[in-house]
Amino acid sequence: MPAENRDTLYKIRPLINSMNNNYMKLYNVSRNVTIDESMILFKDRHSIKQYNPIKPIKRGYKVWVRADMSGYITKFDVYQGKGTTEQAEDNAGGMAGN
């Protein structure tokens, strides 16, 4: 299996998918939503841990979330590293656009 397509969260992927489905069932999404990154503090070692020295939480898991104006998360995904080059070139919106 190529390194670009490997899902390091394969054990908890069914949980993540189930949570995303339930978020959409329980809440009517408004027209105004945003896509943003969040950091989950994590100080141990793991291959998908990110380091960003200018953020308040410097080390941890980066999570992309789609949130409503009220702050309710309607979908999330854990960032696992750089994707394939085709994905980055197809979308001009950067990582948030992908």
N, C-alpha and C. Protein backbone atom coordinates (compact mmCIF):
# COMPACT_ATOMS: atom_id res chain seq x y z
N MET A 1 0.85 -1.18 0.00
CA MET A 1 0.00 0.00 0.00
C MET A 1 0.89 1.24 0.00
N PRO A 2 0.68 2.20 -0.91
CA PRO A 2 1.49 3.41 -0.94
C PRO A 2 1.34 4.22 0.34
N ALA A 3 2.40 4.93 0.69
CA ALA A 3 2.39 5.71 1.92
C ALA A 3 1.34 6.82 1.89
N GLU A 4 1.03 7.36 0.68
CA GLU A 4 0.05 8.46 0.60
C GLU A 4 -1.36 8.01 0.94
N ASN A 5 -1.69 6.74 0.68
CA ASN A 5 -3.05 6.26 0.87
C ASN A 5 -3.25 5.51 2.18
N ARG A 6 -2.25 5.46 3.02
CA ARG A 6 -2.35 4.70 4.27
C ARG A 6 -3.14 5.51 5.30
N ASP A 7 -4.14 4.90 5.88
CA ASP A 7 -4.95 5.53 6.91
C ASP A 7 -4.43 5.08 8.27
N THR A 8 -3.74 5.96 8.98
CA THR A 8 -3.19 5.59 10.28
C THR A 8 -4.26 5.51 11.36
N LEU A 9 -5.44 6.01 11.06
CA LEU A 9 -6.53 5.97 12.03
C LEU A 9 -7.57 4.93 11.66
N TYR A 10 -7.15 3.87 10.98
CA TYR A 10 -8.10 2.86 10.49
C TYR A 10 -8.87 2.19 11.62
N LYS A 11 -8.29 2.11 12.81
CA LYS A 11 -8.99 1.46 13.92
C LYS A 11 -10.14 2.30 14.46
N ILE A 12 -10.00 3.61 14.41
CA ILE A 12 -11.08 4.47 14.93
C ILE A 12 -11.86 5.15 13.82
N ARG A 13 -11.56 4.84 12.55
CA ARG A 13 -12.28 5.44 11.43
C ARG A 13 -13.79 5.17 11.49
N PRO A 14 -14.26 3.94 11.86
CA PRO A 14 -15.71 3.75 11.99
C PRO A 14 -16.34 4.67 13.04
N LEU A 15 -15.63 4.95 14.12
CA LEU A 15 -16.13 5.86 15.15
C LEU A 15 -16.23 7.29 14.61
N ILE A 16 -15.19 7.73 13.90
CA ILE A 16 -15.20 9.07 13.33
C ILE A 16 -16.34 9.23 12.33
N ASN A 17 -16.52 8.23 11.46
CA ASN A 17 -17.62 8.29 10.48
C ASN A 17 -18.98 8.29 11.16
N SER A 18 -19.13 7.48 12.20
CA SER A 18 -20.40 7.44 12.93
C SER A 18 -20.70 8.77 13.61
N MET A 19 -19.68 9.37 14.21
CA MET A 19 -19.88 10.67 14.86
C MET A 19 -20.27 11.73 13.84
N ASN A 20 -19.60 11.76 12.68
CA ASN A 20 -19.95 12.74 11.64
C ASN A 20 -21.38 12.55 11.14
N ASN A 21 -21.80 11.30 10.98
CA ASN A 21 -23.18 11.04 10.55
C ASN A 21 -24.18 11.49 11.60
N ASN A 22 -23.90 11.24 12.86
CA ASN A 22 -24.81 11.65 13.93
C ASN A 22 -24.88 13.16 14.08
N TYR A 23 -23.75 13.85 13.88
CA TYR A 23 -23.77 15.31 13.94
C TYR A 23 -24.76 15.88 12.93
N MET A 24 -24.73 15.32 11.72
CA MET A 24 -25.62 15.83 10.67
C MET A 24 -27.09 15.48 10.93
N LYS A 25 -27.35 14.33 11.56
CA LYS A 25 -28.73 13.94 11.86
C LYS A 25 -29.34 14.80 12.96
N LEU A 26 -28.53 15.19 13.94
CA LEU A 26 -29.05 15.86 15.12
C LEU A 26 -29.14 17.38 15.00
N TYR A 27 -28.60 17.93 13.95
CA TYR A 27 -28.54 19.38 13.87
C TYR A 27 -28.80 19.83 12.44
N ASN A 28 -29.63 20.82 12.27
CA ASN A 28 -29.87 21.42 10.95
C ASN A 28 -28.82 22.49 10.72
N VAL A 29 -28.00 22.27 9.73
CA VAL A 29 -26.90 23.18 9.45
C VAL A 29 -27.44 24.46 8.83
N SER A 30 -26.96 25.59 9.31
CA SER A 30 -27.38 26.86 8.73
C SER A 30 -26.59 27.10 7.44
N ARG A 31 -26.90 28.18 6.81
CA ARG A 31 -26.26 28.50 5.54
C ARG A 31 -24.82 28.96 5.73
N ASN A 32 -24.51 29.56 6.85
CA ASN A 32 -23.18 30.10 7.12
C ASN A 32 -22.36 29.11 7.94
N VAL A 33 -21.39 28.49 7.31
CA VAL A 33 -20.49 27.56 7.98
C VAL A 33 -19.05 27.96 7.69
N THR A 34 -18.14 27.45 8.49
CA THR A 34 -16.73 27.73 8.29
C THR A 34 -15.93 26.44 8.40
N ILE A 35 -14.80 26.39 7.72
CA ILE A 35 -13.86 25.28 7.85
C ILE A 35 -12.62 25.84 8.51
N ASP A 36 -12.22 25.22 9.60
CA ASP A 36 -11.11 25.73 10.38
C ASP A 36 -10.31 24.57 10.93
N GLU A 37 -9.11 24.86 11.37
CA GLU A 37 -8.29 23.83 11.99
C GLU A 37 -8.30 24.02 13.50
N SER A 38 -8.25 22.91 14.20
CA SER A 38 -8.16 22.92 15.65
C SER A 38 -7.01 22.01 16.04
N MET A 39 -6.43 22.29 17.18
CA MET A 39 -5.35 21.44 17.68
C MET A 39 -5.82 20.76 18.96
N ILE A 40 -5.52 19.47 19.06
CA ILE A 40 -5.80 18.70 20.27
C ILE A 40 -4.47 18.42 20.93
N LEU A 41 -4.29 18.89 22.14
CA LEU A 41 -3.02 18.76 22.85
C LEU A 41 -2.63 17.29 23.00
N PHE A 42 -1.39 16.98 22.62
CA PHE A 42 -0.85 15.63 22.74
C PHE A 42 0.65 15.75 22.85
N LYS A 43 1.24 15.24 23.95
CA LYS A 43 2.67 15.42 24.18
C LYS A 43 3.49 14.16 23.98
N ASP A 44 2.87 13.04 23.76
CA ASP A 44 3.60 11.80 23.55
C ASP A 44 4.03 11.69 22.09
N ARG A 45 4.51 10.55 21.67
CA ARG A 45 4.97 10.37 20.29
C ARG A 45 3.92 9.67 19.44
N HIS A 46 3.75 10.17 18.23
CA HIS A 46 2.87 9.54 17.25
C HIS A 46 3.22 10.12 15.89
N SER A 47 3.00 9.34 14.85
CA SER A 47 3.42 9.75 13.51
C SER A 47 2.60 10.91 12.94
N ILE A 48 1.39 11.13 13.41
CA ILE A 48 0.57 12.21 12.84
C ILE A 48 0.55 13.46 13.73
N LYS A 49 1.36 13.48 14.76
CA LYS A 49 1.42 14.65 15.62
C LYS A 49 2.05 15.81 14.85
N GLN A 50 1.51 17.00 15.01
CA GLN A 50 1.98 18.19 14.32
C GLN A 50 2.66 19.13 15.31
N TYR A 51 3.59 19.93 14.81
CA TYR A 51 4.27 20.94 15.62
C TYR A 51 4.10 22.28 14.94
N ASN A 52 3.56 23.24 15.67
CA ASN A 52 3.39 24.59 15.15
C ASN A 52 3.80 25.56 16.24
N PRO A 53 5.01 26.15 16.15
CA PRO A 53 5.54 26.96 17.25
C PRO A 53 4.80 28.27 17.51
N ILE A 54 3.99 28.74 16.56
CA ILE A 54 3.33 30.04 16.76
C ILE A 54 1.92 29.91 17.33
N LYS A 55 1.45 28.70 17.56
CA LYS A 55 0.10 28.49 18.10
C LYS A 55 0.17 28.32 19.62
N PRO A 56 -0.94 28.59 20.32
CA PRO A 56 -0.97 28.36 21.78
C PRO A 56 -0.74 26.89 22.15
N ILE A 57 -1.32 25.98 21.38
CA ILE A 57 -1.05 24.55 21.56
C ILE A 57 -0.03 24.19 20.50
N LYS A 58 1.22 23.99 20.92
CA LYS A 58 2.32 23.83 19.98
C LYS A 58 2.41 22.43 19.39
N ARG A 59 2.10 21.41 20.18
CA ARG A 59 2.21 20.03 19.71
C ARG A 59 0.89 19.31 19.92
N GLY A 60 0.48 18.58 18.91
CA GLY A 60 -0.76 17.82 19.05
C GLY A 60 -1.29 17.37 17.72
N TYR A 61 -2.53 16.93 17.73
CA TYR A 61 -3.21 16.48 16.53
C TYR A 61 -3.93 17.66 15.89
N LYS A 62 -3.77 17.80 14.58
CA LYS A 62 -4.49 18.84 13.85
C LYS A 62 -5.78 18.22 13.34
N VAL A 63 -6.88 18.89 13.61
CA VAL A 63 -8.20 18.42 13.20
C VAL A 63 -8.86 19.50 12.37
N TRP A 64 -9.32 19.13 11.18
CA TRP A 64 -10.09 20.04 10.34
C TRP A 64 -11.55 19.88 10.69
N VAL A 65 -12.22 20.98 11.00
CA VAL A 65 -13.62 20.93 11.40
C VAL A 65 -14.46 21.86 10.52
N ARG A 66 -15.69 21.43 10.27
CA ARG A 66 -16.69 22.28 9.64
C ARG A 66 -17.66 22.65 10.73
N ALA A 67 -17.73 23.93 11.04
CA ALA A 67 -18.54 24.37 12.17
C ALA A 67 -19.56 25.41 11.73
N ASP A 68 -20.65 25.46 12.49
CA ASP A 68 -21.71 26.42 12.27
C ASP A 68 -21.34 27.74 12.95
N MET A 69 -22.11 28.78 12.70
CA MET A 69 -21.85 30.07 13.34
C MET A 69 -21.94 29.99 14.86
N SER A 70 -22.77 29.08 15.36
CA SER A 70 -22.92 28.94 16.81
C SER A 70 -21.78 28.14 17.44
N GLY A 71 -20.90 27.55 16.61
CA GLY A 71 -19.79 26.77 17.12
C GLY A 71 -20.03 25.28 17.11
N TYR A 72 -21.19 24.84 16.66
CA TYR A 72 -21.49 23.41 16.60
C TYR A 72 -20.72 22.77 15.46
N ILE A 73 -19.99 21.70 15.75
CA ILE A 73 -19.21 20.99 14.73
C ILE A 73 -20.14 20.04 13.98
N THR A 74 -20.16 20.18 12.66
CA THR A 74 -21.01 19.30 11.85
C THR A 74 -20.21 18.21 11.15
N LYS A 75 -18.91 18.36 11.06
CA LYS A 75 -18.05 17.34 10.48
C LYS A 75 -16.61 17.63 10.89
N PHE A 76 -15.82 16.57 11.10
CA PHE A 76 -14.41 16.75 11.41
C PHE A 76 -13.60 15.63 10.81
N ASP A 77 -12.30 15.88 10.64
CA ASP A 77 -11.38 14.88 10.15
C ASP A 77 -10.00 15.19 10.70
N VAL A 78 -9.28 14.18 11.10
CA VAL A 78 -7.95 14.34 11.67
C VAL A 78 -6.95 14.40 10.53
N TYR A 79 -6.11 15.42 10.56
CA TYR A 79 -5.07 15.59 9.53
C TYR A 79 -3.98 14.57 9.77
N GLN A 80 -3.65 13.78 8.73
CA GLN A 80 -2.67 12.71 8.87
C GLN A 80 -1.38 12.96 8.13
N GLY A 81 -1.20 14.12 7.60
CA GLY A 81 0.02 14.43 6.86
C GLY A 81 -0.30 14.88 5.45
N LYS A 82 0.74 15.20 4.73
CA LYS A 82 0.60 15.71 3.39
C LYS A 82 0.00 14.66 2.47
N GLY A 83 -0.99 15.05 1.66
CA GLY A 83 -1.64 14.14 0.73
C GLY A 83 -0.84 13.99 -0.55
N THR A 84 -1.48 13.47 -1.55
CA THR A 84 -0.81 13.30 -2.84
C THR A 84 -0.66 14.65 -3.53
N THR A 85 0.25 14.73 -4.47
CA THR A 85 0.49 16.00 -5.16
C THR A 85 -0.69 16.38 -6.04
N GLU A 86 -1.45 15.41 -6.55
CA GLU A 86 -2.60 15.73 -7.39
C GLU A 86 -3.66 16.48 -6.58
N GLN A 87 -3.87 16.08 -5.32
CA GLN A 87 -4.86 16.76 -4.50
C GLN A 87 -4.47 18.21 -4.28
N ALA A 88 -3.20 18.46 -4.01
CA ALA A 88 -2.76 19.82 -3.72
C ALA A 88 -2.86 20.71 -4.96
N GLU A 89 -2.62 20.15 -6.15
CA GLU A 89 -2.67 20.95 -7.36
C GLU A 89 -4.09 21.18 -7.85
N ASP A 90 -5.01 20.26 -7.57
CA ASP A 90 -6.38 20.39 -8.07
C ASP A 90 -7.13 21.53 -7.40
N ASN A 91 -6.88 21.75 -6.13
CA ASN A 91 -7.66 22.73 -5.40
C ASN A 91 -6.77 23.92 -5.04
N ALA A 92 -7.14 25.10 -5.46
CA ALA A 92 -6.36 26.28 -5.18
C ALA A 92 -6.61 26.83 -3.79
N GLY A 93 -7.54 26.24 -3.03
CA GLY A 93 -7.87 26.73 -1.70
C GLY A 93 -6.93 26.28 -0.61
N GLY A 94 -5.87 25.56 -0.95
CA GLY A 94 -4.93 25.10 0.05
C GLY A 94 -5.47 23.88 0.79
N MET A 95 -4.93 23.64 1.99
CA MET A 95 -5.32 22.48 2.76
C MET A 95 -6.79 22.57 3.19
N ALA A 96 -7.26 23.75 3.54
CA ALA A 96 -8.66 23.89 3.94
C ALA A 96 -9.60 23.58 2.78
N GLY A 97 -9.18 23.92 1.57
CA GLY A 97 -10.00 23.65 0.39
C GLY A 97 -10.05 22.15 0.08
N ASN A 98 -8.96 21.46 0.35
CA ASN A 98 -8.94 20.01 0.12
C ASN A 98 -9.83 19.32 1.11
